[in-house]
Amino acid sequence: MHENAYFIYIAILVALFIGVLFWAFGKKRKKRFEKDAEIPFQDKQ
C-alpha cells in the first residue's frame, strides 16, 4: 500500500512541476521575459 501511495505522490509532483514549466515558459509570457531581460541594461534615472 505504501509503495502505491509513494508512486502516486511522486507522479502528482512531477505532473505539477511540468505544468508549472509549461505555464511559466508559455508563448504568452515571452514578451514579458524579453522586456524584463532588458532591465539590467537600462540607464538608471
PDB file of N, CA and C in Angstrom:
ATOM      1  N   MET A   1       0.828  -1.202   0.000  1.00  0.00           N
ATOM      2  CA  MET A   1       0.000   0.000   0.000  1.00  0.00           C
ATOM      3  C   MET A   1       0.866   1.256   0.000  1.00  0.00           C
ATOM      4  N   HIS A   2       1.925   1.249   0.769  1.00  0.00           N
ATOM      5  CA  HIS A   2       2.763   2.431   0.867  1.00  0.00           C
ATOM      6  C   HIS A   2       3.492   2.721  -0.434  1.00  0.00           C
ATOM      7  N   GLU A   3       3.853   1.657  -1.159  1.00  0.00           N
ATOM      8  CA  GLU A   3       4.548   1.859  -2.431  1.00  0.00           C
ATOM      9  C   GLU A   3       3.642   2.543  -3.446  1.00  0.00           C
ATOM     10  N   ASN A   4       2.377   2.159  -3.470  1.00  0.00           N
ATOM     11  CA  ASN A   4       1.427   2.779  -4.391  1.00  0.00           C
ATOM     12  C   ASN A   4       1.191   4.240  -4.030  1.00  0.00           C
ATOM     13  N   ALA A   5       1.082   4.541  -2.762  1.00  0.00           N
ATOM     14  CA  ALA A   5       0.867   5.921  -2.318  1.00  0.00           C
ATOM     15  C   ALA A   5       2.083   6.774  -2.658  1.00  0.00           C
ATOM     16  N   TYR A   6       3.274   6.225  -2.485  1.00  0.00           N
ATOM     17  CA  TYR A   6       4.502   6.946  -2.808  1.00  0.00           C
ATOM     18  C   TYR A   6       4.556   7.236  -4.309  1.00  0.00           C
ATOM     19  N   PHE A   7       4.229   6.254  -5.128  1.00  0.00           N
ATOM     20  CA  PHE A   7       4.244   6.436  -6.582  1.00  0.00           C
ATOM     21  C   PHE A   7       3.233   7.498  -7.003  1.00  0.00           C
ATOM     22  N   ILE A   8       2.048   7.476  -6.447  1.00  0.00           N
ATOM     23  CA  ILE A   8       1.021   8.468  -6.788  1.00  0.00           C
ATOM     24  C   ILE A   8       1.470   9.861  -6.373  1.00  0.00           C
ATOM     25  N   TYR A   9       2.065   9.972  -5.211  1.00  0.00           N
ATOM     26  CA  TYR A   9       2.568  11.259  -4.708  1.00  0.00           C
ATOM     27  C   TYR A   9       3.644  11.811  -5.642  1.00  0.00           C
ATOM     28  N   ILE A  10       4.596  10.988  -6.033  1.00  0.00           N
ATOM     29  CA  ILE A  10       5.666  11.415  -6.925  1.00  0.00           C
ATOM     30  C   ILE A  10       5.098  11.772  -8.300  1.00  0.00           C
ATOM     31  N   ALA A  11       4.162  10.994  -8.808  1.00  0.00           N
ATOM     32  CA  ALA A  11       3.565  11.266 -10.107  1.00  0.00           C
ATOM     33  C   ALA A  11       2.829  12.607 -10.107  1.00  0.00           C
ATOM     34  N   ILE A  12       2.132  12.915  -9.039  1.00  0.00           N
ATOM     35  CA  ILE A  12       1.429  14.195  -8.927  1.00  0.00           C
ATOM     36  C   ILE A  12       2.429  15.345  -8.877  1.00  0.00           C
ATOM     37  N   LEU A  13       3.503  15.186  -8.117  1.00  0.00           N
ATOM     38  CA  LEU A  13       4.517  16.241  -8.039  1.00  0.00           C
ATOM     39  C   LEU A  13       5.190  16.478  -9.386  1.00  0.00           C
ATOM     40  N   VAL A  14       5.492  15.425 -10.116  1.00  0.00           N
ATOM     41  CA  VAL A  14       6.112  15.572 -11.433  1.00  0.00           C
ATOM     42  C   VAL A  14       5.141  16.260 -12.393  1.00  0.00           C
ATOM     43  N   ALA A  15       3.880  15.869 -12.356  1.00  0.00           N
ATOM     44  CA  ALA A  15       2.882  16.495 -13.227  1.00  0.00           C
ATOM     45  C   ALA A  15       2.725  17.976 -12.898  1.00  0.00           C
ATOM     46  N   LEU A  16       2.715  18.332 -11.630  1.00  0.00           N
ATOM     47  CA  LEU A  16       2.619  19.734 -11.234  1.00  0.00           C
ATOM     48  C   LEU A  16       3.846  20.514 -11.691  1.00  0.00           C
ATOM     49  N   PHE A  17       5.023  19.925 -11.549  1.00  0.00           N
ATOM     50  CA  PHE A  17       6.256  20.588 -11.971  1.00  0.00           C
ATOM     51  C   PHE A  17       6.238  20.849 -13.478  1.00  0.00           C
ATOM     52  N   ILE A  18       5.841  19.858 -14.255  1.00  0.00           N
ATOM     53  CA  ILE A  18       5.766  20.031 -15.711  1.00  0.00           C
ATOM     54  C   ILE A  18       4.712  21.081 -16.063  1.00  0.00           C
ATOM     55  N   GLY A  19       3.596  21.083 -15.352  1.00  0.00           N
ATOM     56  CA  GLY A  19       2.571  22.093 -15.578  1.00  0.00           C
ATOM     57  C   GLY A  19       3.081  23.501 -15.306  1.00  0.00           C
ATOM     58  N   VAL A  20       3.837  23.674 -14.247  1.00  0.00           N
ATOM     59  CA  VAL A  20       4.407  24.988 -13.925  1.00  0.00           C
ATOM     60  C   VAL A  20       5.391  25.411 -15.009  1.00  0.00           C
ATOM     61  N   LEU A  21       6.189  24.484 -15.517  1.00  0.00           N
ATOM     62  CA  LEU A  21       7.124  24.811 -16.595  1.00  0.00           C
ATOM     63  C   LEU A  21       6.382  25.287 -17.840  1.00  0.00           C
ATOM     64  N   PHE A  22       5.335  24.578 -18.228  1.00  0.00           N
ATOM     65  CA  PHE A  22       4.555  24.995 -19.396  1.00  0.00           C
ATOM     66  C   PHE A  22       3.913  26.360 -19.163  1.00  0.00           C
ATOM     67  N   TRP A  23       3.417  26.601 -17.954  1.00  0.00           N
ATOM     68  CA  TRP A  23       2.800  27.888 -17.654  1.00  0.00           C
ATOM     69  C   TRP A  23       3.832  29.010 -17.701  1.00  0.00           C
ATOM     70  N   ALA A  24       4.986  28.774 -17.092  1.00  0.00           N
ATOM     71  CA  ALA A  24       5.993  29.829 -16.987  1.00  0.00           C
ATOM     72  C   ALA A  24       6.634  30.168 -18.327  1.00  0.00           C
ATOM     73  N   PHE A  25       6.846  29.170 -19.159  1.00  0.00           N
ATOM     74  CA  PHE A  25       7.556  29.395 -20.418  1.00  0.00           C
ATOM     75  C   PHE A  25       6.626  29.356 -21.621  1.00  0.00           C
ATOM     76  N   GLY A  26       5.352  29.612 -21.394  1.00  0.00           N
ATOM     77  CA  GLY A  26       4.393  29.649 -22.494  1.00  0.00           C
ATOM     78  C   GLY A  26       4.626  30.848 -23.402  1.00  0.00           C
ATOM     79  N   LYS A  27       4.067  30.793 -24.567  1.00  0.00           N
ATOM     80  CA  LYS A  27       4.249  31.854 -25.565  1.00  0.00           C
ATOM     81  C   LYS A  27       3.669  33.186 -25.095  1.00  0.00           C
ATOM     82  N   LYS A  28       2.666  33.147 -24.261  1.00  0.00           N
ATOM     83  CA  LYS A  28       2.029  34.384 -23.788  1.00  0.00           C
ATOM     84  C   LYS A  28       2.975  35.228 -22.941  1.00  0.00           C
ATOM     85  N   ARG A  29       3.947  34.593 -22.307  1.00  0.00           N
ATOM     86  CA  ARG A  29       4.854  35.309 -21.417  1.00  0.00           C
ATOM     87  C   ARG A  29       6.174  35.689 -22.069  1.00  0.00           C
ATOM     88  N   LYS A  30       6.367  35.341 -23.318  1.00  0.00           N
ATOM     89  CA  LYS A  30       7.646  35.601 -23.987  1.00  0.00           C
ATOM     90  C   LYS A  30       7.951  37.095 -24.063  1.00  0.00           C
ATOM     91  N   LYS A  31       6.965  37.913 -24.393  1.00  0.00           N
ATOM     92  CA  LYS A  31       7.197  39.355 -24.478  1.00  0.00           C
ATOM     93  C   LYS A  31       7.619  39.923 -23.131  1.00  0.00           C
ATOM     94  N   ARG A  32       6.996  39.463 -22.078  1.00  0.00           N
ATOM     95  CA  ARG A  32       7.363  39.963 -20.746  1.00  0.00           C
ATOM     96  C   ARG A  32       8.788  39.548 -20.397  1.00  0.00           C
ATOM     97  N   PHE A  33       9.163  38.307 -20.701  1.00  0.00           N
ATOM     98  CA  PHE A  33      10.528  37.861 -20.422  1.00  0.00           C
ATOM     99  C   PHE A  33      11.539  38.689 -21.193  1.00  0.00           C
ATOM    100  N   GLU A  34      11.241  38.980 -22.453  1.00  0.00           N
ATOM    101  CA  GLU A  34      12.163  39.783 -23.252  1.00  0.00           C
ATOM    102  C   GLU A  34      12.283  41.199 -22.692  1.00  0.00           C
ATOM    103  N   LYS A  35      11.169  41.764 -22.260  1.00  0.00           N
ATOM    104  CA  LYS A  35      11.182  43.099 -21.663  1.00  0.00           C
ATOM    105  C   LYS A  35      11.953  43.095 -20.344  1.00  0.00           C
ATOM    106  N   ASP A  36      11.712  42.100 -19.516  1.00  0.00           N
ATOM    107  CA  ASP A  36      12.402  42.014 -18.225  1.00  0.00           C
ATOM    108  C   ASP A  36      13.895  41.746 -18.396  1.00  0.00           C
ATOM    109  N   ALA A  37      14.276  41.082 -19.478  1.00  0.00           N
ATOM    110  CA  ALA A  37      15.694  40.791 -19.711  1.00  0.00           C
ATOM    111  C   ALA A  37      16.485  42.060 -20.013  1.00  0.00           C
ATOM    112  N   GLU A  38      15.804  43.107 -20.444  1.00  0.00           N
ATOM    113  CA  GLU A  38      16.475  44.369 -20.764  1.00  0.00           C
ATOM    114  C   GLU A  38      16.674  45.271 -19.547  1.00  0.00           C
ATOM    115  N   ILE A  39      16.074  44.946 -18.433  1.00  0.00           N
ATOM    116  CA  ILE A  39      16.128  45.804 -17.246  1.00  0.00           C
ATOM    117  C   ILE A  39      17.566  46.084 -16.788  1.00  0.00           C
ATOM    118  N   PRO A  40      18.459  45.113 -16.736  1.00  0.00           N
ATOM    119  CA  PRO A  40      19.825  45.433 -16.267  1.00  0.00           C
ATOM    120  C   PRO A  40      20.579  46.389 -17.169  1.00  0.00           C
ATOM    121  N   PHE A  41      20.174  46.497 -18.418  1.00  0.00           N
ATOM    122  CA  PHE A  41      20.885  47.329 -19.369  1.00  0.00           C
ATOM    123  C   PHE A  41      20.293  48.742 -19.497  1.00  0.00           C
ATOM    124  N   GLN A  42      19.207  49.011 -18.801  1.00  0.00           N
ATOM    125  CA  GLN A  42      18.584  50.336 -18.857  1.00  0.00           C
ATOM    126  C   GLN A  42      19.364  51.307 -17.987  1.00  0.00           C
ATOM    127  N   ASP A  43      19.370  52.564 -18.410  1.00  0.00           N
ATOM    128  CA  ASP A  43      20.016  53.596 -17.609  1.00  0.00           C
ATOM    129  C   ASP A  43      19.178  53.906 -16.379  1.00  0.00           C
ATOM    130  N   LYS A  44      19.858  54.114 -15.279  1.00  0.00           N
ATOM    131  CA  LYS A  44      19.152  54.479 -14.053  1.00  0.00           C
ATOM    132  C   LYS A  44      18.824  55.960 -14.099  1.00  0.00           C
ATOM    133  N   GLN A  45      17.708  56.294 -13.541  1.00  0.00           N
ATOM    134  CA  GLN A  45      17.260  57.707 -13.554  1.00  0.00           C
ATOM    135  C   GLN A  45      17.648  58.407 -12.280  1.00  0.00           C
TER     136      GLN A  45
END
